[in-house]
Amino acid sequence: MFHLSLSKGIYHRENSLLVQKDKIDMDMSIDRIMRIWPQTISVILKHRMKCVGCPLATFHSAIDAAREHGIDADILFNDLERVI
C-alpha cells in the first residue's frame, strides 16, 4: 500500500488499483471504503449496518449494502462523504 500525491488529490493504492482518496465511489466494496477511510465505520454503524467484520463486505458495493439494509443509497453516500 502506498500514497501518491498528484495535482488533483491524494491517491491510495490498494489491490493494484489507484483510488482517489478524497472521493467515495458507491460501486466500491463497502469493505474497501472502510479500509481507505476508517472514519466511515461510524457512519455505517450509525445506519445500523452490520458490514463491519462481515465476510460479504468484500463483495457488496456500497449500493448493494444500502439496498440489503433498506437504506437510501443517496443518504448513505452523503453521510459517508461528510466524514472523509
N, C-alpha and C. Protein backbone atom coordinates (compact mmCIF):
# COMPACT_ATOMS: atom_id res chain seq x y z
N MET A 1 0.85 -1.16 0.00
CA MET A 1 0.00 0.00 0.00
C MET A 1 0.90 1.23 0.00
N PHE A 2 0.57 2.22 -0.81
CA PHE A 2 1.31 3.47 -0.80
C PHE A 2 0.38 4.61 -1.08
N HIS A 3 0.82 5.80 -0.75
CA HIS A 3 0.05 7.01 -1.02
C HIS A 3 0.82 7.82 -2.04
N LEU A 4 0.14 8.40 -2.97
CA LEU A 4 0.76 9.17 -4.03
C LEU A 4 0.03 10.50 -4.14
N SER A 5 0.76 11.57 -4.07
CA SER A 5 0.14 12.89 -4.16
C SER A 5 0.23 13.37 -5.60
N LEU A 6 -0.90 13.61 -6.21
CA LEU A 6 -0.97 14.14 -7.56
C LEU A 6 -1.71 15.47 -7.51
N SER A 7 -1.68 16.19 -8.60
CA SER A 7 -2.25 17.54 -8.59
C SER A 7 -3.74 17.55 -8.27
N LYS A 8 -4.48 16.50 -8.57
CA LYS A 8 -5.92 16.50 -8.33
C LYS A 8 -6.30 15.89 -7.00
N GLY A 9 -5.36 15.53 -6.18
CA GLY A 9 -5.71 14.99 -4.88
C GLY A 9 -4.77 13.88 -4.45
N ILE A 10 -5.10 13.27 -3.36
CA ILE A 10 -4.30 12.18 -2.82
C ILE A 10 -4.87 10.87 -3.35
N TYR A 11 -3.99 10.01 -3.81
CA TYR A 11 -4.41 8.71 -4.31
C TYR A 11 -3.87 7.63 -3.41
N HIS A 12 -4.57 6.55 -3.34
CA HIS A 12 -4.24 5.45 -2.44
C HIS A 12 -4.22 4.18 -3.28
N ARG A 13 -3.13 3.43 -3.20
CA ARG A 13 -3.06 2.18 -3.96
C ARG A 13 -3.48 1.05 -3.04
N GLU A 14 -4.45 0.30 -3.50
CA GLU A 14 -4.89 -0.87 -2.76
C GLU A 14 -5.32 -1.91 -3.79
N ASN A 15 -4.82 -3.10 -3.65
CA ASN A 15 -5.15 -4.19 -4.58
C ASN A 15 -4.90 -3.79 -6.03
N SER A 16 -3.77 -3.14 -6.28
CA SER A 16 -3.33 -2.77 -7.62
C SER A 16 -4.22 -1.75 -8.31
N LEU A 17 -5.05 -1.05 -7.58
CA LEU A 17 -5.88 -0.01 -8.17
C LEU A 17 -5.58 1.31 -7.48
N LEU A 18 -5.54 2.37 -8.26
CA LEU A 18 -5.40 3.69 -7.67
C LEU A 18 -6.79 4.25 -7.43
N VAL A 19 -7.02 4.73 -6.24
CA VAL A 19 -8.31 5.28 -5.87
C VAL A 19 -8.08 6.69 -5.38
N GLN A 20 -8.84 7.64 -5.92
CA GLN A 20 -8.71 9.00 -5.42
C GLN A 20 -9.21 9.02 -4.00
N LYS A 21 -8.37 9.46 -3.08
CA LYS A 21 -8.65 9.31 -1.66
C LYS A 21 -9.68 10.31 -1.13
N ASP A 22 -10.02 11.32 -1.88
CA ASP A 22 -10.99 12.28 -1.37
C ASP A 22 -12.37 12.10 -2.00
N LYS A 23 -12.61 10.97 -2.64
CA LYS A 23 -13.89 10.74 -3.32
C LYS A 23 -14.33 9.29 -3.15
N ILE A 24 -15.52 9.11 -2.63
CA ILE A 24 -16.08 7.76 -2.50
C ILE A 24 -16.84 7.43 -3.77
N ASP A 25 -16.63 6.22 -4.24
CA ASP A 25 -17.37 5.69 -5.38
C ASP A 25 -18.31 4.62 -4.81
N MET A 26 -19.59 4.80 -4.97
CA MET A 26 -20.56 3.88 -4.37
C MET A 26 -20.51 2.49 -5.00
N ASP A 27 -19.76 2.32 -6.08
CA ASP A 27 -19.56 0.99 -6.66
C ASP A 27 -18.41 0.25 -5.99
N MET A 28 -17.65 0.95 -5.14
CA MET A 28 -16.57 0.30 -4.39
C MET A 28 -17.19 -0.62 -3.36
N SER A 29 -16.44 -1.65 -2.99
CA SER A 29 -16.96 -2.53 -1.94
C SER A 29 -17.01 -1.75 -0.63
N ILE A 30 -17.96 -2.09 0.19
CA ILE A 30 -18.10 -1.42 1.48
C ILE A 30 -16.86 -1.68 2.34
N ASP A 31 -16.25 -2.84 2.17
CA ASP A 31 -15.01 -3.16 2.88
C ASP A 31 -13.89 -2.21 2.47
N ARG A 32 -13.75 -1.99 1.18
CA ARG A 32 -12.70 -1.09 0.68
C ARG A 32 -12.91 0.33 1.21
N ILE A 33 -14.15 0.78 1.22
CA ILE A 33 -14.45 2.12 1.74
C ILE A 33 -14.01 2.22 3.20
N MET A 34 -14.34 1.20 3.99
CA MET A 34 -13.96 1.23 5.41
C MET A 34 -12.45 1.16 5.60
N ARG A 35 -11.75 0.45 4.72
CA ARG A 35 -10.28 0.34 4.84
C ARG A 35 -9.58 1.63 4.44
N ILE A 36 -10.05 2.27 3.38
CA ILE A 36 -9.42 3.51 2.93
C ILE A 36 -9.75 4.67 3.86
N TRP A 37 -11.00 4.72 4.30
CA TRP A 37 -11.47 5.79 5.18
C TRP A 37 -12.06 5.18 6.45
N PRO A 38 -11.24 4.84 7.42
CA PRO A 38 -11.74 4.20 8.65
C PRO A 38 -12.81 5.02 9.37
N GLN A 39 -12.80 6.32 9.18
CA GLN A 39 -13.81 7.16 9.83
C GLN A 39 -15.22 6.89 9.31
N THR A 40 -15.34 6.18 8.18
CA THR A 40 -16.67 5.85 7.65
C THR A 40 -17.34 4.74 8.46
N ILE A 41 -16.57 4.02 9.25
CA ILE A 41 -17.15 2.94 10.06
C ILE A 41 -18.23 3.49 10.98
N SER A 42 -18.01 4.66 11.54
CA SER A 42 -19.02 5.24 12.44
C SER A 42 -20.33 5.52 11.70
N VAL A 43 -20.23 5.92 10.44
CA VAL A 43 -21.44 6.17 9.63
C VAL A 43 -22.17 4.85 9.39
N ILE A 44 -21.42 3.84 9.05
CA ILE A 44 -22.02 2.53 8.78
C ILE A 44 -22.72 2.00 10.03
N LEU A 45 -22.08 2.16 11.16
CA LEU A 45 -22.70 1.72 12.41
C LEU A 45 -23.91 2.58 12.77
N LYS A 46 -23.84 3.87 12.48
CA LYS A 46 -24.97 4.77 12.76
C LYS A 46 -26.21 4.33 11.99
N HIS A 47 -26.00 3.83 10.79
CA HIS A 47 -27.12 3.36 9.97
C HIS A 47 -27.52 1.93 10.33
N ARG A 48 -26.93 1.41 11.40
CA ARG A 48 -27.23 0.06 11.88
C ARG A 48 -26.94 -1.02 10.84
N MET A 49 -25.93 -0.73 10.01
CA MET A 49 -25.48 -1.71 9.04
C MET A 49 -24.48 -2.62 9.73
N LYS A 50 -24.53 -3.87 9.44
CA LYS A 50 -23.66 -4.84 10.10
C LYS A 50 -22.49 -5.25 9.20
N CYS A 51 -21.96 -4.29 8.47
CA CYS A 51 -20.90 -4.55 7.49
C CYS A 51 -19.53 -4.73 8.13
N VAL A 52 -19.31 -4.15 9.29
CA VAL A 52 -18.01 -4.24 9.94
C VAL A 52 -17.77 -5.69 10.33
N GLY A 53 -16.75 -6.29 9.73
CA GLY A 53 -16.43 -7.68 10.02
C GLY A 53 -17.23 -8.71 9.24
N CYS A 54 -18.16 -8.26 8.43
CA CYS A 54 -18.99 -9.18 7.65
C CYS A 54 -18.19 -9.70 6.46
N PRO A 55 -18.20 -11.02 6.23
CA PRO A 55 -17.45 -11.55 5.09
C PRO A 55 -18.00 -11.09 3.74
N LEU A 56 -19.26 -10.68 3.68
CA LEU A 56 -19.83 -10.20 2.42
C LEU A 56 -19.41 -8.78 2.09
N ALA A 57 -18.85 -8.06 3.06
CA ALA A 57 -18.46 -6.67 2.84
C ALA A 57 -17.43 -6.53 1.72
N THR A 58 -16.65 -7.57 1.48
CA THR A 58 -15.66 -7.50 0.39
C THR A 58 -16.31 -7.66 -0.97
N PHE A 59 -17.53 -8.17 -1.00
CA PHE A 59 -18.23 -8.41 -2.27
C PHE A 59 -19.33 -7.39 -2.54
N HIS A 60 -19.92 -6.85 -1.49
CA HIS A 60 -21.02 -5.89 -1.66
C HIS A 60 -20.50 -4.49 -1.91
N SER A 61 -21.01 -3.88 -2.96
CA SER A 61 -20.72 -2.46 -3.16
C SER A 61 -21.50 -1.69 -2.10
N ALA A 62 -21.18 -0.43 -1.97
CA ALA A 62 -21.92 0.40 -1.01
C ALA A 62 -23.39 0.46 -1.39
N ILE A 63 -23.67 0.47 -2.69
CA ILE A 63 -25.06 0.47 -3.14
C ILE A 63 -25.75 -0.84 -2.76
N ASP A 64 -25.06 -1.96 -2.97
CA ASP A 64 -25.61 -3.27 -2.58
C ASP A 64 -25.90 -3.31 -1.08
N ALA A 65 -24.94 -2.83 -0.30
CA ALA A 65 -25.09 -2.86 1.16
C ALA A 65 -26.27 -2.00 1.60
N ALA A 66 -26.41 -0.83 0.99
CA ALA A 66 -27.54 0.05 1.33
C ALA A 66 -28.86 -0.65 1.01
N ARG A 67 -28.93 -1.26 -0.15
CA ARG A 67 -30.15 -1.96 -0.55
C ARG A 67 -30.46 -3.12 0.40
N GLU A 68 -29.44 -3.89 0.75
CA GLU A 68 -29.63 -5.03 1.65
C GLU A 68 -30.12 -4.61 3.04
N HIS A 69 -29.73 -3.40 3.45
CA HIS A 69 -30.12 -2.93 4.78
C HIS A 69 -31.31 -1.97 4.74
N GLY A 70 -31.89 -1.78 3.56
CA GLY A 70 -33.07 -0.93 3.44
C GLY A 70 -32.78 0.55 3.67
N ILE A 71 -31.60 0.98 3.25
CA ILE A 71 -31.17 2.37 3.44
C ILE A 71 -31.11 3.05 2.08
N ASP A 72 -31.55 4.29 2.03
CA ASP A 72 -31.46 5.07 0.80
C ASP A 72 -29.98 5.29 0.48
N ALA A 73 -29.54 4.85 -0.70
CA ALA A 73 -28.13 4.94 -1.09
C ALA A 73 -27.64 6.38 -1.14
N ASP A 74 -28.50 7.31 -1.54
CA ASP A 74 -28.09 8.72 -1.60
C ASP A 74 -27.81 9.27 -0.20
N ILE A 75 -28.63 8.90 0.75
CA ILE A 75 -28.41 9.34 2.13
C ILE A 75 -27.11 8.75 2.67
N LEU A 76 -26.91 7.46 2.41
CA LEU A 76 -25.67 6.82 2.86
C LEU A 76 -24.46 7.50 2.22
N PHE A 77 -24.53 7.74 0.91
CA PHE A 77 -23.42 8.40 0.21
C PHE A 77 -23.12 9.76 0.82
N ASN A 78 -24.14 10.56 1.05
CA ASN A 78 -23.93 11.89 1.63
C ASN A 78 -23.31 11.81 3.02
N ASP A 79 -23.77 10.87 3.82
CA ASP A 79 -23.22 10.70 5.16
C ASP A 79 -21.76 10.24 5.11
N LEU A 80 -21.45 9.33 4.19
CA LEU A 80 -20.07 8.87 4.05
C LEU A 80 -19.16 9.99 3.56
N GLU A 81 -19.62 10.74 2.58
CA GLU A 81 -18.83 11.85 2.04
C GLU A 81 -18.56 12.91 3.12
N ARG A 82 -19.51 13.11 3.98
CA ARG A 82 -19.39 14.13 5.01
C ARG A 82 -18.23 13.85 5.97
N VAL A 83 -17.90 12.58 6.19
CA VAL A 83 -16.86 12.26 7.18
C VAL A 83 -15.46 12.11 6.59
N ILE A 84 -15.34 12.10 5.27
CA ILE A 84 -13.98 11.94 4.72
C ILE A 84 -13.34 13.28 4.42
